C-alpha atoms as a PDB file:
ATOM      1  CA  UNK A   1       0.210   0.078   0.023  1.00  0.00           C
ATOM      2  CA  UNK A   2       3.276   2.389  -0.562  1.00  0.00           C
ATOM      3  CA  UNK A   3       3.255   4.320  -3.731  1.00  0.00           C
ATOM      4  CA  UNK A   4       1.437   6.944  -5.295  1.00  0.00           C
ATOM      5  CA  UNK A   5      -2.185   5.500  -6.199  1.00  0.00           C
ATOM      6  CA  UNK A   6      -5.987   6.263  -7.912  1.00  0.00           C
ATOM      7  CA  UNK A   7      -9.160   6.435  -6.352  1.00  0.00           C
ATOM      8  CA  UNK A   8     -12.314   5.304  -7.961  1.00  0.00           C
ATOM      9  CA  UNK A   9     -13.460   8.671  -8.306  1.00  0.00           C
ATOM     10  CA  UNK A  10     -10.323   9.302  -9.468  1.00  0.00           C
ATOM     11  CA  UNK A  11      -8.678  11.519  -6.514  1.00  0.00           C
ATOM     12  CA  UNK A  12      -4.517  10.502  -6.184  1.00  0.00           C
ATOM     13  CA  UNK A  13      -2.939   9.722  -3.678  1.00  0.00           C
ATOM     14  CA  UNK A  14       0.569   9.039  -2.476  1.00  0.00           C
ATOM     15  CA  UNK A  15       1.245   6.785   0.506  1.00  0.00           C
ATOM     16  CA  UNK A  16       4.330   6.046   2.594  1.00  0.00           C
ATOM     17  CA  UNK A  17       5.534   4.372   5.569  1.00  0.00           C
ATOM     18  CA  UNK A  18       4.808   8.007   7.947  1.00  0.00           C
ATOM     19  CA  UNK A  19       1.763  10.231   5.875  1.00  0.00           C
ATOM     20  CA  UNK A  20      -1.433   9.467   3.477  1.00  0.00           C
ATOM     21  CA  UNK A  21      -1.594  12.229   1.178  1.00  0.00           C
ATOM     22  CA  UNK A  22      -5.086  12.708  -0.861  1.00  0.00           C
ATOM     23  CA  UNK A  23      -3.627  15.609  -3.289  1.00  0.00           C
ATOM     24  CA  UNK A  24      -3.351  17.782  -3.187  1.00  0.00           C
ATOM     25  CA  UNK A  25      -4.164  19.523   0.186  1.00  0.00           C
ATOM     26  CA  UNK A  26      -5.006  16.417   2.863  1.00  0.00           C
ATOM     27  CA  UNK A  27      -2.268  15.144   4.466  1.00  0.00           C
ATOM     28  CA  UNK A  28      -2.484  12.216   7.488  1.00  0.00           C
ATOM     29  CA  UNK A  29       0.242  11.135   9.646  1.00  0.00           C
ATOM     30  CA  UNK A  30       0.489   7.872  10.067  1.00  0.00           C
ATOM     31  CA  UNK A  31       0.932   7.149  14.043  1.00  0.00           C
ATOM     32  CA  UNK A  32       0.133   3.572  13.790  1.00  0.00           C
ATOM     33  CA  UNK A  33      -0.912  -0.199  11.433  1.00  0.00           C
ATOM     34  CA  UNK A  34      -3.284  -2.547  13.680  1.00  0.00           C
ATOM     35  CA  UNK A  35      -2.331  -5.576  10.998  1.00  0.00           C
ATOM     36  CA  UNK A  36      -5.081  -7.390  13.049  1.00  0.00           C
ATOM     37  CA  UNK A  37      -7.950  -4.835  12.594  1.00  0.00           C
ATOM     38  CA  UNK A  38      -6.351  -3.782   9.247  1.00  0.00           C
ATOM     39  CA  UNK A  39      -6.362  -0.178   9.730  1.00  0.00           C
ATOM     40  CA  UNK A  40      -4.098   2.900  10.567  1.00  0.00           C
ATOM     41  CA  UNK A  41      -4.741   5.536  12.858  1.00  0.00           C
ATOM     42  CA  UNK A  42      -3.198   8.884  11.900  1.00  0.00           C
ATOM     43  CA  UNK A  43      -3.002  12.876  12.750  1.00  0.00           C
ATOM     44  CA  UNK A  44      -4.480  14.795  10.663  1.00  0.00           C
ATOM     45  CA  UNK A  45      -2.405  17.753   9.500  1.00  0.00           C
ATOM     46  CA  UNK A  46      -2.590  20.662  11.288  1.00  0.00           C
ATOM     47  CA  UNK A  47      -3.049  22.635   7.554  1.00  0.00           C
ATOM     48  CA  UNK A  48      -6.169  19.847   6.604  1.00  0.00           C
ATOM     49  CA  UNK A  49      -8.581  22.197   5.222  1.00  0.00           C
ATOM     50  CA  UNK A  50     -11.089  20.570   7.936  1.00  0.00           C
ATOM     51  CA  UNK A  51     -10.468  18.322  11.465  1.00  0.00           C
ATOM     52  CA  UNK A  52      -6.820  19.838  11.342  1.00  0.00           C
ATOM     53  CA  UNK A  53      -5.277  18.291  14.349  1.00  0.00           C
ATOM     54  CA  UNK A  54      -7.936  15.965  14.770  1.00  0.00           C
ATOM     55  CA  UNK A  55      -7.221  11.580  14.438  1.00  0.00           C
ATOM     56  CA  UNK A  56      -8.529   9.442  11.859  1.00  0.00           C
ATOM     57  CA  UNK A  57      -8.792   5.903  11.533  1.00  0.00           C
ATOM     58  CA  UNK A  58      -8.357   4.819   8.095  1.00  0.00           C
ATOM     59  CA  UNK A  59      -9.643   0.754   7.371  1.00  0.00           C
ATOM     60  CA  UNK A  60      -8.432  -1.054   5.019  1.00  0.00           C
ATOM     61  CA  UNK A  61      -9.799  -4.020   2.536  1.00  0.00           C
ATOM     62  CA  UNK A  62      -7.786  -5.801   0.227  1.00  0.00           C
ATOM     63  CA  UNK A  63     -10.427  -7.403  -3.537  1.00  0.00           C
ATOM     64  CA  UNK A  64      -9.582 -10.596  -5.402  1.00  0.00           C
ATOM     65  CA  UNK A  65     -10.611 -11.159  -9.008  1.00  0.00           C
ATOM     66  CA  UNK A  66     -11.253  -7.394  -9.257  1.00  0.00           C
ATOM     67  CA  UNK A  67      -8.290  -6.211 -11.358  1.00  0.00           C
ATOM     68  CA  UNK A  68      -7.607  -3.571 -11.620  1.00  0.00           C
ATOM     69  CA  UNK A  69      -8.588  -2.552  -7.844  1.00  0.00           C
ATOM     70  CA  UNK A  70      -6.319  -3.870  -5.405  1.00  0.00           C
ATOM     71  CA  UNK A  71      -7.459  -2.720  -2.010  1.00  0.00           C
ATOM     72  CA  UNK A  72      -9.630  -0.154  -0.764  1.00  0.00           C
ATOM     73  CA  UNK A  73     -10.072   2.054   2.260  1.00  0.00           C
ATOM     74  CA  UNK A  74     -12.817   4.277   4.242  1.00  0.00           C
ATOM     75  CA  UNK A  75     -11.986   7.086   6.587  1.00  0.00           C
ATOM     76  CA  UNK A  76     -13.783   5.402   9.360  1.00  0.00           C
ATOM     77  CA  UNK A  77     -13.336   8.115  11.671  1.00  0.00           C
ATOM     78  CA  UNK A  78     -11.993  11.108  10.847  1.00  0.00           C
ATOM     79  CA  UNK A  79     -12.621  13.680  13.898  1.00  0.00           C
ATOM     80  CA  UNK A  80     -11.259  12.121  17.249  1.00  0.00           C
ATOM     81  CA  UNK A  81      -9.443  13.764  19.796  1.00  0.00           C
ATOM     82  CA  UNK A  82      -7.766  11.082  20.962  1.00  0.00           C
ATOM     83  CA  UNK A  83      -6.127   8.390  19.452  1.00  0.00           C
ATOM     84  CA  UNK A  84      -8.278   5.958  21.755  1.00  0.00           C
ATOM     85  CA  UNK A  85     -11.532   7.240  20.147  1.00  0.00           C
ATOM     86  CA  UNK A  86     -10.061   7.018  16.782  1.00  0.00           C
ATOM     87  CA  UNK A  87      -9.489   3.458  17.718  1.00  0.00           C
ATOM     88  CA  UNK A  88     -12.888   1.891  19.171  1.00  0.00           C
ATOM     89  CA  UNK A  89     -15.396   4.590  17.868  1.00  0.00           C
ATOM     90  CA  UNK A  90     -16.737   3.753  14.918  1.00  0.00           C
ATOM     91  CA  UNK A  91     -15.713  -0.018  12.897  1.00  0.00           C
ATOM     92  CA  UNK A  92     -15.908  -0.517   9.313  1.00  0.00           C
ATOM     93  CA  UNK A  93     -18.258  -3.605   7.565  1.00  0.00           C
ATOM     94  CA  UNK A  94     -15.821  -5.093   5.744  1.00  0.00           C
ATOM     95  CA  UNK A  95     -18.326  -8.345   5.018  1.00  0.00           C
ATOM     96  CA  UNK A  96     -20.308  -5.195   3.022  1.00  0.00           C
ATOM     97  CA  UNK A  97     -17.391  -3.048   1.151  1.00  0.00           C
ATOM     98  CA  UNK A  98     -20.415  -1.616  -1.321  1.00  0.00           C
ATOM     99  CA  UNK A  99     -21.990  -0.178   1.910  1.00  0.00           C
ATOM    100  CA  UNK A 100     -19.432  -1.021   5.085  1.00  0.00           C
ATOM    101  CA  UNK A 101     -18.260   2.596   5.260  1.00  0.00           C
ATOM    102  CA  UNK A 102     -20.432   4.353   6.664  1.00  0.00           C
ATOM    103  CA  UNK A 103     -23.508   3.171   4.410  1.00  0.00           C
ATOM    104  CA  UNK A 104     -21.205   3.769   1.450  1.00  0.00           C
ATOM    105  CA  UNK A 105     -18.817   1.577  -0.616  1.00  0.00           C
ATOM    106  CA  UNK A 106     -15.170   1.725   0.076  1.00  0.00           C
ATOM    107  CA  UNK A 107     -13.151   3.620  -1.949  1.00  0.00           C
ATOM    108  CA  UNK A 108     -10.944   1.610  -3.947  1.00  0.00           C
ATOM    109  CA  UNK A 109      -7.521   2.036  -5.537  1.00  0.00           C
ATOM    110  CA  UNK A 110      -5.185   0.701  -8.449  1.00  0.00           C
ATOM    111  CA  UNK A 111      -1.821   1.622  -8.716  1.00  0.00           C
ATOM    112  CA  UNK A 112      -0.382   5.315 -10.815  1.00  0.00           C
END
């Protein structure tokens, strides 16, 4: 999940070990990855247009037989006041990727 990607809405992303950038002006500082729960916890950059400095949970899901889409994500929680709140406030429903992101589909990602 590292590199440059585009989602199925045409939005571009750059993801590194420490940052998740939604081009052109939204940045998340990645704090931890839970490999069992398959989610990242991030701190919203102070320069983000909304919810600056708060915490975000980014749930991820891997897809099979859906090329060119190999994985997807859900900004499950994006305005938590603490890391603990971001972890526990809401969980994406991976069994239903078309509606498991708060009633919406996971954003599908392809490599650029």
